[in-house]
Amino acid sequence: MGASGCFIRDCPICGSSFWTVVLPLTSTPLGDRLSESQVLAMKLPTYPLDLAQCSNCQHVFLPSVVEPDESYSNYFFETSKSPGLSTSMQRLAHELWAGRLVDASPFVVDVGSNDGTWLRHFLDQGADVLGVEPSKRIAEQASSAGIETINEYFTRDVVQQIRSERGAPAIVTANFVTANVPNLKKFFGALKELAGDETIVAITTGYHPDQFRVNMFDFIYHEHLSYFTAQDFVYLAEQFGFSVVKAQRIGLKGGSLQVLLRPSQGAPEHHADVLRLVQYERWAGICERSWFHDLQARVSREVSRTHQILDSVNARKTLGYGMSHSVTTLLYHFNLLERVSALVDDNESRRGLFSPGRGLPILSPEAALLEEFDTLVILAWQHDGLIRRRLTELGWSGNVVQPLPGALLIRKGE
């Protein structure tokens, strides 16, 4: 066991207990644990956030795991409110629906279905849909919107319930949830039990080789437990009787990977394009320790440059734009907690609450303009284009600083 509410695990893919920390990060509270007061926010515990690599299979993961109920009992992320995500998911849903193997079966199951945004795209095409979502609040929200949702973790018991009541689905999807699973063996075992002979299992997850290449280290947070490569999925598929029939890099969330799995009829038969991506990963050296050392050096340089920029504009009262898991990682590791006085966010459900740990108040952009901030830091930098346009619409005239992918003074205040 590690810190209270936190345990140490072996490699979730091969089970090896031999791993090495390849990217040490500042400990943080749970990134999306918003509080109703600054006092409550400051009482939240912090947990280790070091990234490790398995010495046996080279899988990259968090060895320190926060108990799932700590993360998902009060979860604020909603798919429908993530800029541009629903539109991209609609295209992927249409591709999957058009390519499904069993035309006679309209049944689609989504694991970690959140607010039902993804399943809505299948429902609109005539599918019979079912979500599995552990957050009670979000599951109820999805059900109220007409997306049937089981409010449970994805377990063998849930799988047996689905198979007995509905049969095997044509498509099983897991979007940005596989990385959040503490026990991958139980998860893939449940997928195998749910799938029929012709079921397609579609998994979309962050692809750290692309994300880290642009310094997107802040997508490391406590809910993101595993950081997958194509090689990882080949390894898992062979353990559980799947073939990887497709693996494609997509642009979602700064770099993601979609893999399609099909139950194997005998020995696994992975598509040649999948094996070529595995080869590319080996050529690119993404499993070498030096690759992570380079990332650490780049991030450290941008930390220093960000503070130099803030000093150069004599930032006295600074506002941060964005509040999310990744923003918490960025605030802590860039040592910005003492420099930022408040946050703004476009998600109305976050306003009036306080950020994890430091207890920064979360305001609406309009309310923030009424206060005398002289500097704004774009913390949700993955959406920098949208935020810059929003600042122009609001008439922001102060300094604008962006810490990543490279520290930059976008505008010096008037």
Protein backbone atom coordinates (compact mmCIF):
# COMPACT_ATOMS: atom_id res chain seq x y z
CA MET A 1 0.00 0.00 0.00
CA GLY A 2 1.09 3.58 -0.64
CA ALA A 3 -0.55 6.77 0.61
CA SER A 4 -3.97 6.48 2.26
CA GLY A 5 -6.55 5.50 -0.38
CA CYS A 6 -3.76 4.56 -2.77
CA PHE A 7 -2.10 1.22 -3.59
CA ILE A 8 0.98 0.14 -5.55
CA ARG A 9 0.50 -2.30 -8.41
CA ASP A 10 2.59 -4.44 -10.73
CA CYS A 11 2.56 -4.02 -14.49
CA PRO A 12 -1.12 -4.30 -15.50
CA ILE A 13 -0.28 -6.07 -18.77
CA CYS A 14 2.34 -8.70 -17.97
CA GLY A 15 2.21 -8.70 -14.17
CA SER A 16 5.91 -8.02 -13.67
CA SER A 17 6.87 -6.39 -10.37
CA PHE A 18 9.99 -4.88 -11.95
CA TRP A 19 9.49 -1.33 -13.19
CA THR A 20 11.38 1.96 -13.21
CA VAL A 21 10.13 5.53 -12.83
CA VAL A 22 10.81 7.24 -16.17
CA LEU A 23 9.07 10.58 -15.56
CA PRO A 24 8.83 11.85 -11.96
CA LEU A 25 6.03 14.39 -11.50
CA THR A 26 4.80 16.52 -8.61
CA SER A 27 2.20 14.81 -6.41
CA THR A 28 -1.28 16.29 -6.79
CA PRO A 29 -4.81 15.88 -5.47
CA LEU A 30 -7.32 14.18 -7.76
CA GLY A 31 -7.41 16.55 -10.71
CA ASP A 32 -11.18 16.88 -11.06
CA ARG A 33 -12.09 16.84 -7.36
CA LEU A 34 -13.74 20.26 -7.10
CA SER A 35 -14.90 21.52 -3.69
CA GLU A 36 -17.62 23.82 -2.42
CA SER A 37 -15.20 25.90 -0.35
CA GLN A 38 -11.53 26.79 -0.28
CA VAL A 39 -11.20 25.19 3.15
CA LEU A 40 -12.45 21.83 1.85
CA ALA A 41 -10.27 22.08 -1.25
CA MET A 42 -7.13 22.64 0.80
CA LYS A 43 -7.85 19.55 2.91
CA LEU A 44 -7.73 17.19 -0.07
CA PRO A 45 -4.90 14.64 0.06
CA THR A 46 -2.23 14.50 -2.62
CA TYR A 47 -1.12 11.28 -4.31
CA PRO A 48 2.07 10.29 -6.18
CA LEU A 49 1.99 10.91 -9.93
CA ASP A 50 5.21 9.30 -11.17
CA LEU A 51 5.17 7.57 -14.55
CA ALA A 52 6.85 4.16 -14.70
CA GLN A 53 7.84 1.67 -17.38
CA CYS A 54 7.71 -2.10 -17.06
CA SER A 55 11.16 -3.68 -17.32
CA ASN A 56 9.67 -6.76 -18.98
CA CYS A 57 7.08 -5.66 -21.59
CA GLN A 58 7.88 -1.89 -21.67
CA HIS A 59 4.30 -0.87 -20.89
CA VAL A 60 4.09 2.67 -19.46
CA PHE A 61 1.80 3.13 -16.46
CA LEU A 62 1.16 4.70 -13.06
CA PRO A 63 2.29 2.27 -10.36
CA SER A 64 0.41 4.25 -7.66
CA VAL A 65 -3.34 3.80 -8.06
CA VAL A 66 -5.99 5.79 -6.22
CA GLU A 67 -8.99 3.69 -5.19
CA PRO A 68 -11.56 4.00 -8.04
CA ASP A 69 -14.40 5.15 -5.76
CA GLU A 70 -12.27 8.14 -4.78
CA SER A 71 -12.17 9.24 -8.42
CA TYR A 72 -15.61 8.35 -9.71
CA SER A 73 -17.98 9.09 -6.84
CA ASN A 74 -17.97 12.81 -7.73
CA TYR A 75 -16.87 13.10 -11.34
CA PHE A 76 -17.24 16.35 -13.30
CA PHE A 77 -16.06 15.48 -16.82
CA GLU A 78 -18.88 15.34 -19.36
CA THR A 79 -18.20 14.31 -22.96
CA SER A 80 -20.77 16.71 -24.38
CA LYS A 81 -18.97 19.69 -22.84
CA SER A 82 -15.50 18.90 -24.19
CA PRO A 83 -14.89 21.25 -27.16
CA GLY A 84 -15.08 19.48 -30.53
CA LEU A 85 -15.11 15.98 -29.06
CA SER A 86 -18.68 15.06 -29.98
CA THR A 87 -18.23 16.01 -33.64
CA SER A 88 -15.13 13.84 -33.97
CA MET A 89 -16.86 10.96 -32.19
CA GLN A 90 -19.79 11.21 -34.58
CA ARG A 91 -17.50 10.51 -37.55
CA LEU A 92 -15.92 7.52 -35.80
CA ALA A 93 -19.34 6.16 -34.80
CA HIS A 94 -20.57 6.35 -38.41
CA GLU A 95 -17.46 4.49 -39.61
CA LEU A 96 -17.96 1.73 -37.05
CA TRP A 97 -21.67 1.37 -37.78
CA ALA A 98 -21.04 1.14 -41.52
CA GLY A 99 -18.32 -1.48 -41.06
CA ARG A 100 -20.00 -3.75 -38.52
CA LEU A 101 -19.93 -7.44 -39.34
CA VAL A 102 -23.43 -8.44 -38.22
CA ASP A 103 -26.02 -6.38 -40.06
CA ALA A 104 -28.84 -8.25 -38.36
CA SER A 105 -27.73 -7.12 -34.89
CA PRO A 106 -28.26 -3.45 -34.07
CA PHE A 107 -26.99 -3.81 -30.50
CA VAL A 108 -24.13 -1.51 -29.34
CA VAL A 109 -22.64 -1.45 -25.84
CA ASP A 110 -20.41 1.39 -24.64
CA VAL A 111 -18.18 0.82 -21.62
CA GLY A 112 -17.60 3.99 -19.60
CA SER A 113 -20.41 5.68 -21.49
CA ASN A 114 -20.33 8.97 -19.54
CA ASP A 115 -23.28 11.20 -20.51
CA GLY A 116 -24.25 9.10 -23.55
CA THR A 117 -22.90 11.49 -26.21
CA TRP A 118 -21.15 8.68 -28.09
CA LEU A 119 -24.12 6.31 -27.97
CA ARG A 120 -26.42 9.08 -29.19
CA HIS A 121 -24.61 8.95 -32.54
CA PHE A 122 -25.40 5.22 -32.84
CA LEU A 123 -28.98 5.72 -31.66
CA ASP A 124 -29.48 8.27 -34.44
CA GLN A 125 -28.47 5.57 -36.95
CA GLY A 126 -31.05 3.10 -35.64
CA ALA A 127 -28.93 1.16 -33.16
CA ASP A 128 -30.16 -0.43 -29.95
CA VAL A 129 -27.77 1.07 -27.38
CA LEU A 130 -26.71 0.39 -23.80
CA GLY A 131 -24.16 2.24 -21.67
CA VAL A 132 -22.20 1.11 -18.63
CA GLU A 133 -21.12 4.03 -16.43
CA PRO A 134 -19.86 4.02 -12.80
CA SER A 135 -20.72 7.65 -11.94
CA LYS A 136 -24.24 7.74 -10.47
CA ARG A 137 -24.86 11.39 -11.35
CA ILE A 138 -23.72 11.06 -14.95
CA ALA A 139 -25.43 7.70 -15.49
CA GLU A 140 -28.74 9.21 -14.32
CA GLN A 141 -28.17 12.17 -16.61
CA ALA A 142 -27.66 9.85 -19.60
CA SER A 143 -30.71 7.75 -18.77
CA SER A 144 -32.85 10.88 -18.44
CA ALA A 145 -31.69 11.87 -21.93
CA GLY A 146 -32.94 8.56 -23.36
CA ILE A 147 -29.68 6.56 -23.31
CA GLU A 148 -30.26 3.36 -21.33
CA THR A 149 -27.38 3.11 -18.86
CA ILE A 150 -26.30 0.58 -16.24
CA ASN A 151 -24.80 2.43 -13.27
CA GLU A 152 -21.99 -0.01 -12.47
CA TYR A 153 -18.33 -0.70 -13.12
CA PHE A 154 -17.71 -3.02 -16.07
CA THR A 155 -17.48 -6.45 -14.41
CA ARG A 156 -18.23 -10.10 -15.19
CA ASP A 157 -21.54 -9.76 -13.34
CA VAL A 158 -22.58 -6.88 -15.59
CA VAL A 159 -21.45 -8.82 -18.67
CA GLN A 160 -23.48 -11.86 -17.66
CA GLN A 161 -26.53 -9.64 -17.13
CA ILE A 162 -26.13 -8.11 -20.60
CA ARG A 163 -25.58 -11.46 -22.35
CA SER A 164 -28.54 -13.12 -20.62
CA GLU A 165 -30.93 -10.23 -21.31
CA ARG A 166 -29.72 -8.91 -24.68
CA GLY A 167 -27.30 -11.39 -26.23
CA ALA A 168 -23.97 -10.56 -27.85
CA PRO A 169 -23.58 -7.02 -29.21
CA ALA A 170 -22.49 -6.27 -32.75
CA ILE A 171 -20.16 -3.57 -31.43
CA VAL A 172 -18.59 -2.97 -28.02
CA THR A 173 -16.86 0.37 -27.57
CA ALA A 174 -14.60 1.82 -24.90
CA ASN A 175 -13.66 5.44 -25.49
CA PHE A 176 -10.96 6.95 -23.30
CA VAL A 177 -11.77 4.50 -20.52
CA THR A 178 -9.31 1.61 -21.00
CA ALA A 179 -6.50 3.82 -19.71
CA ASN A 180 -8.50 4.32 -16.51
CA VAL A 181 -8.77 0.61 -15.66
CA PRO A 182 -6.67 -0.60 -12.69
CA ASN A 183 -6.93 -4.29 -13.60
CA LEU A 184 -6.59 -4.77 -17.35
CA LYS A 185 -6.76 -8.56 -17.10
CA LYS A 186 -10.24 -8.46 -15.55
CA PHE A 187 -11.32 -5.79 -18.04
CA PHE A 188 -10.20 -7.71 -21.14
CA GLY A 189 -11.55 -10.94 -19.68
CA ALA A 190 -14.95 -9.25 -19.38
CA LEU A 191 -14.69 -7.93 -22.96
CA LYS A 192 -13.96 -11.44 -24.20
CA GLU A 193 -16.96 -12.85 -22.32
CA LEU A 194 -19.28 -10.13 -23.69
CA ALA A 195 -18.16 -10.50 -27.31
CA GLY A 196 -19.80 -12.95 -29.68
CA ASP A 197 -17.89 -14.62 -32.50
CA GLU A 198 -18.44 -11.66 -34.84
CA THR A 199 -18.45 -8.79 -32.34
CA ILE A 200 -16.11 -5.90 -33.04
CA VAL A 201 -14.51 -4.35 -29.95
CA ALA A 202 -13.46 -0.74 -30.63
CA ILE A 203 -11.10 0.92 -28.14
CA THR A 204 -10.02 4.54 -28.38
CA THR A 205 -7.40 5.82 -25.97
CA GLY A 206 -4.72 8.46 -25.67
CA TYR A 207 -1.54 7.68 -27.64
CA HIS A 208 1.33 8.93 -25.55
CA PRO A 209 3.98 8.77 -28.32
CA ASP A 210 2.12 11.55 -30.15
CA GLN A 211 1.02 13.44 -27.02
CA PHE A 212 4.46 13.47 -25.40
CA ARG A 213 6.10 14.50 -28.66
CA VAL A 214 4.39 17.90 -28.29
CA ASN A 215 5.10 18.04 -24.51
CA MET A 216 1.56 17.04 -23.55
CA PHE A 217 2.74 15.56 -20.27
CA ASP A 218 -0.24 17.07 -18.43
CA PHE A 219 -2.49 14.30 -19.73
CA ILE A 220 -0.81 12.28 -17.00
CA TYR A 221 -3.16 12.30 -14.03
CA HIS A 222 -4.48 9.81 -11.49
CA GLU A 223 -7.40 8.51 -13.54
CA HIS A 224 -5.10 7.83 -16.53
CA LEU A 225 -3.42 4.70 -15.24
CA SER A 226 -2.06 3.20 -18.49
CA TYR A 227 -0.37 4.80 -21.52
CA PHE A 228 -0.84 2.49 -24.48
CA THR A 229 1.07 1.64 -27.63
CA ALA A 230 0.01 -0.60 -30.51
CA GLN A 231 2.42 -3.20 -29.11
CA ASP A 232 0.51 -3.18 -25.80
CA PHE A 233 -2.74 -4.02 -27.58
CA VAL A 234 -1.13 -6.82 -29.57
CA TYR A 235 0.15 -8.28 -26.29
CA LEU A 236 -3.26 -8.00 -24.60
CA ALA A 237 -5.12 -9.34 -27.65
CA GLU A 238 -2.99 -12.47 -27.73
CA GLN A 239 -3.58 -13.07 -24.01
CA PHE A 240 -7.36 -12.95 -24.40
CA GLY A 241 -8.00 -14.51 -27.78
CA PHE A 242 -8.46 -11.43 -29.97
CA SER A 243 -6.93 -10.37 -33.25
CA VAL A 244 -6.11 -6.68 -33.79
CA VAL A 245 -7.73 -5.96 -37.15
CA LYS A 246 -7.09 -2.23 -37.20
CA ALA A 247 -4.98 0.36 -35.39
CA GLN A 248 -5.07 4.00 -36.46
CA ARG A 249 -3.67 7.18 -34.99
CA ILE A 250 -6.27 9.95 -34.76
CA GLY A 251 -6.06 13.58 -33.75
CA LEU A 252 -8.40 13.52 -30.75
CA LYS A 253 -6.98 14.92 -27.48
CA GLY A 254 -3.64 15.81 -29.00
CA GLY A 255 -2.99 12.27 -30.20
CA SER A 256 -5.08 9.13 -29.77
CA LEU A 257 -5.14 5.53 -30.96
CA GLN A 258 -8.17 3.57 -32.10
CA VAL A 259 -7.85 -0.21 -32.24
CA LEU A 260 -10.43 -2.71 -33.44
CA LEU A 261 -10.36 -6.21 -31.95
CA ARG A 262 -12.20 -9.31 -33.15
CA PRO A 263 -12.38 -12.67 -31.37
CA SER A 264 -9.83 -15.02 -32.92
CA GLN A 265 -10.94 -18.25 -34.52
CA GLY A 266 -7.72 -20.06 -33.68
CA ALA A 267 -4.36 -18.29 -33.60
CA PRO A 268 -4.54 -14.45 -33.58
CA GLU A 269 -4.20 -12.83 -37.01
CA HIS A 270 -3.21 -9.18 -36.68
CA HIS A 271 -3.60 -6.91 -39.71
CA ALA A 272 -0.36 -6.03 -41.48
CA ASP A 273 -0.94 -2.31 -40.85
CA VAL A 274 -1.07 -3.01 -37.12
CA LEU A 275 2.27 -4.79 -37.22
CA ARG A 276 3.74 -1.92 -39.25
CA LEU A 277 2.69 0.53 -36.51
CA VAL A 278 4.36 -1.72 -33.92
CA GLN A 279 7.49 -1.62 -36.08
CA TYR A 280 7.30 2.18 -36.30
CA GLU A 281 7.09 2.41 -32.51
CA ARG A 282 10.25 0.37 -32.21
CA TRP A 283 12.06 2.50 -34.79
CA ALA A 284 10.95 5.72 -33.06
CA GLY A 285 12.54 4.53 -29.80
CA ILE A 286 9.48 5.33 -27.68
CA CYS A 287 10.35 2.56 -25.23
CA GLU A 288 13.89 3.79 -24.66
CA ARG A 289 14.62 5.47 -21.32
CA SER A 290 16.37 8.28 -23.21
CA TRP A 291 13.05 9.15 -24.89
CA PHE A 292 11.52 9.92 -21.49
CA HIS A 293 14.64 11.70 -20.27
CA ASP A 294 14.35 14.03 -23.27
CA LEU A 295 10.70 14.71 -22.42
CA GLN A 296 11.62 15.51 -18.81
CA ALA A 297 14.31 17.95 -19.97
CA ARG A 298 11.92 19.69 -22.38
CA VAL A 299 9.21 20.06 -19.74
CA SER A 300 11.70 21.43 -17.20
CA ARG A 301 12.85 23.99 -19.74
CA GLU A 302 9.27 25.17 -20.36
CA VAL A 303 8.68 25.47 -16.60
CA SER A 304 11.63 27.88 -16.35
CA ARG A 305 10.63 29.80 -19.45
CA THR A 306 7.05 30.24 -18.24
CA HIS A 307 8.21 31.82 -14.99
CA GLN A 308 10.70 34.01 -16.85
CA ILE A 309 7.88 35.31 -19.06
CA LEU A 310 5.62 36.02 -16.09
CA ASP A 311 8.48 37.90 -14.41
CA SER A 312 9.24 39.86 -17.59
CA VAL A 313 5.67 41.25 -17.80
CA ASN A 314 5.61 41.91 -14.06
CA ALA A 315 2.52 39.73 -13.60
CA ARG A 316 0.90 40.83 -10.34
CA LYS A 317 -2.62 39.36 -10.47
CA THR A 318 -2.87 36.34 -12.73
CA LEU A 319 -5.90 34.45 -14.02
CA GLY A 320 -5.79 30.88 -15.36
CA TYR A 321 -8.04 29.80 -18.24
CA GLY A 322 -9.37 26.26 -17.83
CA MET A 323 -10.15 23.76 -15.09
CA SER A 324 -9.69 20.04 -15.72
CA HIS A 325 -7.61 17.05 -14.69
CA SER A 326 -4.76 18.16 -16.94
CA VAL A 327 -4.89 21.72 -15.60
CA THR A 328 -4.32 20.40 -12.08
CA THR A 329 -1.23 18.47 -13.25
CA LEU A 330 0.04 21.59 -15.02
CA LEU A 331 -0.56 23.94 -12.08
CA TYR A 332 1.30 21.69 -9.68
CA HIS A 333 4.22 20.60 -11.84
CA PHE A 334 4.81 24.09 -13.26
CA ASN A 335 4.69 25.52 -9.72
CA LEU A 336 1.99 28.03 -10.68
CA LEU A 337 -0.20 27.69 -7.61
CA GLU A 338 1.36 30.73 -5.92
CA ARG A 339 1.15 32.83 -9.10
CA VAL A 340 -2.44 32.18 -10.20
CA SER A 341 -5.20 33.83 -8.14
CA ALA A 342 -8.30 32.40 -9.83
CA LEU A 343 -9.48 30.25 -12.73
CA VAL A 344 -12.13 30.65 -15.39
CA ASP A 345 -13.92 27.87 -17.23
CA ASP A 346 -16.55 27.74 -19.95
CA ASN A 347 -18.28 24.79 -18.28
CA GLU A 348 -21.00 26.32 -16.11
CA SER A 349 -21.16 23.30 -13.78
CA ARG A 350 -17.65 24.10 -12.50
CA ARG A 351 -18.25 27.75 -11.67
CA GLY A 352 -18.64 28.75 -8.05
CA LEU A 353 -16.50 25.78 -6.98
CA PHE A 354 -12.84 25.64 -5.94
CA SER A 355 -9.90 23.88 -7.54
CA PRO A 356 -8.26 20.81 -5.95
CA GLY A 357 -5.61 21.51 -3.32
CA ARG A 358 -5.04 25.22 -3.62
CA GLY A 359 -8.72 26.11 -3.65
CA LEU A 360 -8.61 28.64 -6.48
CA PRO A 361 -12.10 30.06 -7.17
CA ILE A 362 -13.58 29.10 -10.54
CA LEU A 363 -15.31 32.03 -12.25
CA SER A 364 -17.08 32.69 -15.51
CA PRO A 365 -14.93 34.57 -18.05
CA GLU A 366 -17.36 37.52 -17.87
CA ALA A 367 -17.12 37.72 -14.08
CA ALA A 368 -13.34 37.55 -14.19
CA LEU A 369 -13.19 40.60 -16.45
CA LEU A 370 -14.81 42.67 -13.70
CA GLU A 371 -11.77 42.07 -11.47
CA GLU A 372 -8.37 43.67 -11.95
CA PHE A 373 -6.33 40.83 -13.46
CA ASP A 374 -3.36 41.96 -15.51
CA THR A 375 -2.21 38.56 -16.83
CA LEU A 376 -3.94 35.46 -18.14
CA VAL A 377 -2.31 32.03 -18.50
CA ILE A 378 -3.88 29.59 -20.99
CA LEU A 379 -3.82 26.43 -18.86
CA ALA A 380 -6.17 24.42 -21.11
CA TRP A 381 -3.63 24.97 -23.88
CA GLN A 382 -4.88 22.03 -25.97
CA HIS A 383 -7.80 24.34 -26.84
CA ASP A 384 -5.65 27.43 -27.37
CA GLY A 385 -7.31 28.43 -30.66
CA LEU A 386 -10.77 28.47 -29.11
CA ILE A 387 -9.53 30.30 -26.02
CA ARG A 388 -7.70 32.98 -28.00
CA ARG A 389 -10.86 33.68 -30.01
CA ARG A 390 -12.86 33.77 -26.79
CA LEU A 391 -10.47 36.32 -25.27
CA THR A 392 -10.84 38.51 -28.35
CA GLU A 393 -14.65 38.32 -28.07
CA LEU A 394 -14.44 39.27 -24.38
CA GLY A 395 -12.17 42.21 -25.07
CA TRP A 396 -9.32 40.97 -22.85
CA SER A 397 -6.52 43.56 -22.95
CA GLY A 398 -3.99 42.17 -20.46
CA ASN A 399 -0.97 39.91 -20.90
CA VAL A 400 -1.59 36.44 -22.37
CA VAL A 401 0.89 33.66 -21.62
CA GLN A 402 0.78 30.05 -22.84
CA PRO A 403 3.08 27.53 -21.10
CA LEU A 404 2.86 24.64 -23.60
CA PRO A 405 3.73 23.15 -26.04
CA GLY A 406 6.43 25.80 -25.68
CA ALA A 407 6.27 28.74 -23.29
CA LEU A 408 5.13 31.81 -25.19
CA LEU A 409 4.08 35.41 -24.55
CA ILE A 410 1.13 35.65 -26.92
CA ARG A 411 0.35 39.26 -26.14
CA LYS A 412 1.76 41.89 -23.86
CA GLY A 413 -0.96 43.84 -22.11
CA GLU A 414 -1.84 47.40 -22.92
